[in-house]
Amino acid sequence: MDEAASQGEALIEATGIDLALGGRVILQAAAARVNDGEIVTLIGPNGAGKTIFVRVLLGLVKPDGGGVFRRPGIRIGYMPQRLSLEPSLPLTVDRFLALAARRGGTRQRRAAVLAEVGAGGIMDAPMQVISGGELQRVMLARALLRDPDLLVLDEPVQGVDVGGQADLYRLIGRIRAERGCGVFLVSHDLHLVMAATDRVVCLNQHVCCAGSPEAVIRDPAYAALFGEPAAEALALYRHRHDHRHEADGSIVPLPEDGEQAPAESRRHG
């Protein structure tokens, strides 16, 4: 794939991505960029081209036009949207991680990463019996075994209940803060995403709008895509998000408007 010129601290940047499959336009001049230590969220309706845009970023699909820059030597940890396992295949969580990740390393290292994502107690459980939330954490652990500079997460809370979704987003924020990696995630859960990301890219074949969550919520293109009621509800939600959560779920108030938030508060938002 052709590579565009790097700018600033970009880990990865796609510009002018055009793609058509079977005569159908999938992407038109799509673009996105993730910098060091930044969480960028890709949102958009079903059929907007989000997953295939991720595959272009990863170099799995060659676009018809445009290019992708990846920082030389970058390590990317990828968490796909779906995982299909043969039901009759006897496979424990530990064995899955050892087989699936080239950097799986020792059992001790796999145990440490499972503990990091809050799934240390299921290391020897069969993959077929773990819950949806546990599966997502295992998939996240697999991506982290690569010691990534960039985490790419396609619908990371799929199949998880609302409480579990909030926990996973907090976990992703903590991983970013502790590891210093960039995060590019795809999500349709706008309420939670708007409080957990630094920048938003709204895609519907092309980029409709992009910027900070507050800027995107106010953009007429966002309201046109998701409807005025959704835009108003999200604006209210963002305005009322006056606290952050620690890893144990405890609430920490954010400073009043006009005060400078500590770096850790700004990260977790």
Protein backbone atom coordinates (compact mmCIF):
# COMPACT_ATOMS: atom_id res chain seq x y z
CA MET A 1 0.00 0.00 0.00
CA ASP A 2 1.22 3.50 -0.76
CA GLU A 3 2.26 5.55 2.23
CA ALA A 4 1.53 9.22 2.72
CA ALA A 5 4.00 11.56 4.34
CA SER A 6 4.10 11.62 8.13
CA GLN A 7 3.05 14.71 10.04
CA GLY A 8 3.86 15.51 13.65
CA GLU A 9 3.43 12.63 16.08
CA ALA A 10 1.12 10.48 13.99
CA LEU A 11 1.22 6.76 14.67
CA ILE A 12 -1.00 6.08 11.70
CA GLU A 13 -2.75 8.30 9.18
CA ALA A 14 -5.05 7.54 6.26
CA THR A 15 -5.78 10.21 3.67
CA GLY A 16 -8.08 10.29 0.64
CA ILE A 17 -9.13 6.64 0.87
CA ASP A 18 -11.38 5.59 -2.03
CA LEU A 19 -12.72 2.06 -2.32
CA ALA A 20 -15.36 0.36 -4.43
CA LEU A 21 -16.31 -3.31 -4.30
CA GLY A 22 -18.49 -5.01 -6.91
CA GLY A 23 -19.28 -1.66 -8.48
CA ARG A 24 -20.53 -0.26 -5.16
CA VAL A 25 -18.80 2.71 -3.57
CA ILE A 26 -17.70 1.83 -0.04
CA LEU A 27 -15.38 4.73 0.87
CA GLN A 28 -14.90 8.19 -0.62
CA ALA A 29 -11.90 10.30 0.40
CA ALA A 30 -12.04 8.79 3.91
CA ALA A 31 -9.39 9.94 6.36
CA ALA A 32 -8.32 9.47 9.97
CA ARG A 33 -5.25 9.99 12.11
CA VAL A 34 -4.13 8.72 15.52
CA ASN A 35 -1.32 10.41 17.43
CA ASP A 36 0.79 9.10 20.31
CA GLY A 37 -1.27 8.43 23.42
CA GLU A 38 -4.55 9.50 21.80
CA ILE A 39 -7.94 7.78 21.73
CA VAL A 40 -9.76 8.31 18.42
CA THR A 41 -13.21 6.81 17.90
CA LEU A 42 -14.79 6.04 14.54
CA ILE A 43 -18.58 6.26 14.58
CA GLY A 44 -21.24 5.97 11.89
CA PRO A 45 -24.42 4.11 10.94
CA ASN A 46 -24.51 0.47 9.90
CA GLY A 47 -23.13 0.06 6.40
CA ALA A 48 -21.03 3.23 6.66
CA GLY A 49 -17.80 1.36 5.85
CA LYS A 50 -16.26 1.48 9.33
CA THR A 51 -14.90 -2.08 9.50
CA ILE A 52 -13.51 -2.07 5.99
CA PHE A 53 -11.86 1.29 6.68
CA VAL A 54 -10.13 -0.36 9.66
CA ARG A 55 -8.98 -3.16 7.35
CA VAL A 56 -7.53 -0.55 5.00
CA LEU A 57 -5.67 1.04 7.91
CA LEU A 58 -4.23 -2.34 8.84
CA GLY A 59 -3.10 -3.04 5.28
CA LEU A 60 -5.52 -5.97 4.87
CA VAL A 61 -7.46 -4.28 2.04
CA LYS A 62 -5.85 -2.24 -0.72
CA PRO A 63 -7.81 0.93 -1.54
CA ASP A 64 -8.42 2.22 -5.05
CA GLY A 65 -7.06 5.63 -4.08
CA GLY A 66 -5.36 7.43 -1.24
CA GLY A 67 -2.70 6.18 1.12
CA VAL A 68 -1.86 5.10 4.66
CA PHE A 69 1.17 6.18 6.65
CA ARG A 70 2.29 3.93 9.48
CA ARG A 71 5.14 5.00 11.69
CA PRO A 72 8.16 2.84 10.81
CA GLY A 73 8.47 -0.10 13.18
CA ILE A 74 5.02 0.45 14.67
CA ARG A 75 3.50 -2.49 16.57
CA ILE A 76 -0.28 -2.76 16.20
CA GLY A 77 -2.56 -4.82 18.43
CA TYR A 78 -5.82 -5.61 16.65
CA MET A 79 -9.07 -6.73 18.26
CA PRO A 80 -11.52 -7.83 15.53
CA GLN A 81 -15.27 -7.41 15.75
CA ARG A 82 -16.03 -11.13 15.71
CA LEU A 83 -14.36 -14.38 16.71
CA SER A 84 -15.49 -17.77 15.42
CA LEU A 85 -14.35 -20.88 17.28
CA GLU A 86 -15.10 -24.51 16.50
CA PRO A 87 -17.46 -25.56 19.34
CA SER A 88 -15.93 -29.04 19.60
CA LEU A 89 -12.33 -27.78 19.76
CA PRO A 90 -10.93 -28.15 23.30
CA LEU A 91 -9.25 -24.79 23.79
CA THR A 92 -8.55 -23.02 27.06
CA VAL A 93 -8.09 -19.27 27.34
CA ASP A 94 -4.36 -19.76 27.95
CA ARG A 95 -3.97 -22.04 24.94
CA PHE A 96 -5.92 -19.60 22.77
CA LEU A 97 -3.57 -16.78 23.73
CA ALA A 98 -0.50 -18.96 23.20
CA LEU A 99 -1.65 -20.00 19.72
CA ALA A 100 -3.16 -16.74 18.56
CA ALA A 101 -0.45 -14.28 19.53
CA ARG A 102 3.03 -14.63 18.09
CA ARG A 103 4.31 -12.75 21.13
CA GLY A 104 2.38 -15.00 23.49
CA GLY A 105 5.55 -15.74 25.41
CA THR A 106 5.46 -17.62 28.67
CA ARG A 107 2.44 -18.67 30.69
CA GLN A 108 3.53 -16.16 33.32
CA ARG A 109 3.40 -13.33 30.78
CA ARG A 110 -0.01 -14.39 29.52
CA ALA A 111 -1.27 -14.53 33.10
CA ALA A 112 0.02 -11.01 33.72
CA VAL A 113 -1.79 -9.60 30.68
CA LEU A 114 -5.01 -11.41 31.60
CA ALA A 115 -4.75 -9.88 35.07
CA GLU A 116 -4.19 -6.45 33.48
CA VAL A 117 -7.53 -6.69 31.66
CA GLY A 118 -9.38 -8.07 34.70
CA ALA A 119 -9.64 -11.67 33.48
CA GLY A 120 -6.97 -13.38 35.57
CA GLY A 121 -9.37 -15.93 37.01
CA ILE A 122 -10.33 -17.57 33.71
CA MET A 123 -6.91 -18.56 32.39
CA ASP A 124 -7.68 -22.30 32.36
CA ALA A 125 -11.37 -22.00 31.45
CA PRO A 126 -12.54 -23.38 28.08
CA MET A 127 -13.07 -20.59 25.55
CA GLN A 128 -16.54 -21.95 24.76
CA VAL A 129 -17.93 -21.36 28.28
CA ILE A 130 -16.70 -17.86 29.11
CA SER A 131 -19.16 -14.95 29.02
CA GLY A 132 -19.37 -12.25 26.36
CA GLY A 133 -17.63 -9.74 28.61
CA GLU A 134 -14.89 -12.23 29.45
CA LEU A 135 -14.39 -13.00 25.77
CA GLN A 136 -13.89 -9.31 24.97
CA ARG A 137 -11.28 -9.06 27.72
CA VAL A 138 -9.48 -12.13 26.40
CA MET A 139 -9.47 -10.61 22.92
CA LEU A 140 -8.09 -7.38 24.36
CA ALA A 141 -5.40 -9.38 26.18
CA ARG A 142 -4.43 -11.03 22.90
CA ALA A 143 -3.98 -7.61 21.29
CA LEU A 144 -1.91 -6.39 24.26
CA LEU A 145 0.47 -9.34 24.01
CA ARG A 146 1.99 -7.57 21.04
CA ASP A 147 3.10 -4.69 23.30
CA PRO A 148 1.38 -2.36 20.82
CA ASP A 149 2.15 1.25 20.07
CA LEU A 150 -1.39 1.37 18.64
CA LEU A 151 -4.48 -0.58 19.69
CA VAL A 152 -7.11 -1.00 16.97
CA LEU A 153 -10.42 -2.14 18.47
CA ASP A 154 -13.42 -2.93 16.26
CA GLU A 155 -16.61 -2.76 18.38
CA PRO A 156 -14.76 -3.81 21.56
CA VAL A 157 -17.91 -3.93 23.72
CA GLN A 158 -20.02 -6.02 21.34
CA GLY A 159 -22.11 -8.60 23.19
CA VAL A 160 -21.52 -6.96 26.59
CA ASP A 161 -24.24 -5.51 28.83
CA VAL A 162 -24.37 -1.78 29.54
CA GLY A 163 -22.54 -1.97 32.87
CA GLY A 164 -19.85 -4.14 31.32
CA GLN A 165 -19.50 -1.71 28.41
CA ALA A 166 -18.72 1.17 30.75
CA ASP A 167 -16.18 -1.00 32.57
CA LEU A 168 -14.46 -1.93 29.30
CA TYR A 169 -14.24 1.69 28.15
CA ARG A 170 -12.71 2.64 31.51
CA LEU A 171 -10.25 -0.24 31.12
CA ILE A 172 -9.28 0.98 27.64
CA GLY A 173 -8.68 4.46 29.04
CA ARG A 174 -6.52 3.06 31.82
CA ILE A 175 -4.48 0.96 29.37
CA ARG A 176 -3.86 4.06 27.27
CA ALA A 177 -2.75 6.01 30.34
CA GLU A 178 -0.48 3.27 31.70
CA ARG A 179 1.03 2.03 28.45
CA GLY A 180 1.07 5.34 26.57
CA CYS A 181 -0.28 3.69 23.42
CA GLY A 182 -2.64 5.23 20.90
CA VAL A 183 -6.13 3.74 20.49
CA PHE A 184 -8.32 3.68 17.40
CA LEU A 185 -11.70 2.17 18.14
CA VAL A 186 -14.92 1.62 16.24
CA SER A 187 -18.16 1.91 18.15
CA HIS A 188 -21.86 2.56 17.69
CA ASP A 189 -22.46 3.22 21.40
CA LEU A 190 -22.36 6.99 21.17
CA HIS A 191 -23.26 7.85 24.78
CA LEU A 192 -20.32 5.99 26.29
CA VAL A 193 -17.89 6.81 23.48
CA MET A 194 -18.44 10.55 23.71
CA ALA A 195 -17.20 10.52 27.31
CA ALA A 196 -14.25 8.20 26.69
CA THR A 197 -12.48 9.57 23.63
CA ASP A 198 -10.22 12.48 22.69
CA ARG A 199 -11.38 12.83 19.08
CA VAL A 200 -14.27 11.50 17.02
CA VAL A 201 -14.43 10.72 13.29
CA CYS A 202 -17.94 10.37 11.93
CA LEU A 203 -17.96 8.20 8.79
CA ASN A 204 -20.72 7.51 6.29
CA GLN A 205 -18.64 6.41 3.29
CA HIS A 206 -16.93 9.80 3.58
CA VAL A 207 -15.98 11.74 6.71
CA CYS A 208 -19.06 13.77 7.66
CA CYS A 209 -17.38 15.55 10.56
CA ALA A 210 -14.41 15.11 12.88
CA GLY A 211 -12.94 16.72 15.96
CA SER A 212 -13.43 16.80 19.72
CA PRO A 213 -16.64 15.16 21.00
CA GLU A 214 -18.08 18.62 21.80
CA ALA A 215 -17.35 19.90 18.30
CA VAL A 216 -18.81 16.82 16.60
CA ILE A 217 -21.99 16.95 18.68
CA ARG A 218 -22.56 20.55 17.55
CA ASP A 219 -21.82 19.83 13.88
CA PRO A 220 -24.93 19.99 11.62
CA ALA A 221 -23.63 16.95 9.70
CA TYR A 222 -23.77 14.90 12.92
CA ALA A 223 -27.36 15.95 13.60
CA ALA A 224 -28.29 15.18 9.97
CA LEU A 225 -26.84 11.68 10.25
CA PHE A 226 -28.13 10.66 13.69
CA GLY A 227 -31.11 13.01 14.08
CA GLU A 228 -31.67 16.12 16.18
CA PRO A 229 -33.00 14.20 19.25
CA ALA A 230 -29.83 12.06 19.39
CA ALA A 231 -27.61 15.11 19.00
CA GLU A 232 -29.46 16.98 21.76
CA ALA A 233 -29.38 13.97 24.10
CA LEU A 234 -25.65 13.49 23.58
CA ALA A 235 -24.93 17.18 24.06
CA LEU A 236 -26.77 17.05 27.38
CA TYR A 237 -24.95 13.87 28.41
CA ARG A 238 -21.55 15.36 27.58
CA HIS A 239 -22.38 18.54 29.48
CA ARG A 240 -23.34 16.59 32.58
CA HIS A 241 -20.26 14.36 32.51
CA ASP A 242 -18.71 16.07 35.52
CA HIS A 243 -16.73 13.16 36.95
CA ARG A 244 -14.45 10.32 36.05
CA HIS A 245 -14.13 6.75 37.34
CA GLU A 246 -11.11 5.10 38.91
CA ALA A 247 -10.27 1.49 38.02
CA ASP A 248 -12.26 0.28 41.04
CA GLY A 249 -15.33 2.20 39.89
CA SER A 250 -15.09 4.99 42.48
CA ILE A 251 -16.12 8.47 41.32
CA VAL A 252 -13.67 11.38 41.21
CA PRO A 253 -15.23 14.85 40.57
CA LEU A 254 -13.73 16.87 37.75
CA PRO A 255 -12.80 20.57 38.27
CA GLU A 256 -15.42 23.24 37.69
CA ASP A 257 -15.54 24.96 34.29
CA GLY A 258 -12.56 27.21 33.78
CA GLU A 259 -10.23 25.20 36.01
CA GLN A 260 -7.41 23.12 34.58
CA ALA A 261 -7.98 19.42 35.05
CA PRO A 262 -5.05 17.26 36.15
CA ALA A 263 -3.48 15.26 33.31
CA GLU A 264 -4.90 12.00 34.58
CA SER A 265 -8.42 13.47 34.74
CA ARG A 266 -8.13 14.77 31.21
CA ARG A 267 -7.11 11.34 30.02
CA HIS A 268 -10.03 9.52 31.54
CA GLY A 269 -12.60 12.25 30.88
